[in-house]
């Protein structure tokens, strides 16, 4: 399949000293968790024992009794042909572990036993598998949790076969703040627009590379969106009640379906009254949190002031919602949206599209998302730490000015001295304002 950055984290975990915790990889469905883990295990262990709890109902039953490690490995040996449990040379992969809460509970005794390494993967682990009524508890202190996300732009370039020297050259231009050669700059802009439309789900990227057909890509994205919507209902039975909460399901779907319209507004703050005339935040906040836990959206919070610590200045009740994967966001817009992006004709949604992809980029770097808006009309698209320094980030679908940023930079009440402007323009520096092309966002 494709080269993924998570492999480096897996290597760090495997080579860690002392009593090893289990590695638990969380993330949205279809982002490549299973493939990455199995490839890593195949290359780094003599013996790999793979258990998929979504496909193997018999495996679940093994964990219905006591969680004695010796009994479990005997039962797994009987269930899985050719499985070998050799101390120090075996990794056990619990795939789709959210389907078997007791397998999650067995992580503690396996870690205490110490003979085998454990890797668990799961979709919806923030939603499913934590119900105490359905399991023996989550093993606090015995897990190293890693959040895997869709492919970032650099991984997309790897998938397309772009030479490492080219990527190193882009990185050098960013670090030294020197313009990229025009030929490479134009090529990178084209690749970045492709990435906006395709997104970072490995299966979709593979379909794009193999067909070069955006109609195929759109259909596959549309199918995945429908599958995710099916998941919304399937996994609501993990609440305290044993039945689906249809009122919550309705609110989840309303919030999700409203994202394109919410981002199309000039002020992209999420407005509850857009969901229903007297829509109140307390009614819809559980649905928004559910979608966050599901892993399909990111929240970007308004700041009361631009100063350290940013988290301490966020306003919990005022936020924007961005999609986790830009390709899925594009598939929720008009059918011809991808063609318009690739041709440069973006129309009404241009601001939303480019803000969403930058939010997505920051999320993949594990950055928390903040923006700054005042009723006077002053607005900064993103505020973030760049090299440990609070920085303004302005995203321009066209060349655009940075009037709000200029106002903030000149005002001593704000603890910020630098602004990055992302646009189609090449690298450039004017005083404390740095212009970089969109495709360098992954370097921020």
Foldseek 3Di string as FASTA:
>chain_A
DFDDPCLVVVVCLVPDDDQHFAEEEEEAPLQCPVVSVVVSLVVQAPFEAEDEVVVDVVLLVLLPDDLDPVSNVVVSPVVDDPGDQAFPRYEYEYEQCLNRLSVQVSRVVCSVVRRYHYYYYHFLPLQGSQQVVRYVHHDPPRYDYDYDAFDALVRLCRVLVPDPVLVVQQLVCVVVLHWDPPVSLVVLLLSVLVCLQQWGRVVSSVVCNVPVDSLVSLVVLVVVVVVVLVVLQVRQCSPPHNHHPVLLSVLLVLVVLCQQVLLLDPPNKDDQCVSPVPGDCVSNVVSVVSVVSSPFKAKAFAFPAADPPRVVRTDVVITGIATLISNSVQSSDDPCQSVCSSVLNRPRCLVSSLLRSLVNLCVNVVWHWYWYDDPVGQTFSTWGQDVNATETEHEDAAPDDNVSVVVQCVDPRHRHNAYEYEYSDTWDDDHRYTYHYSSCSNVD
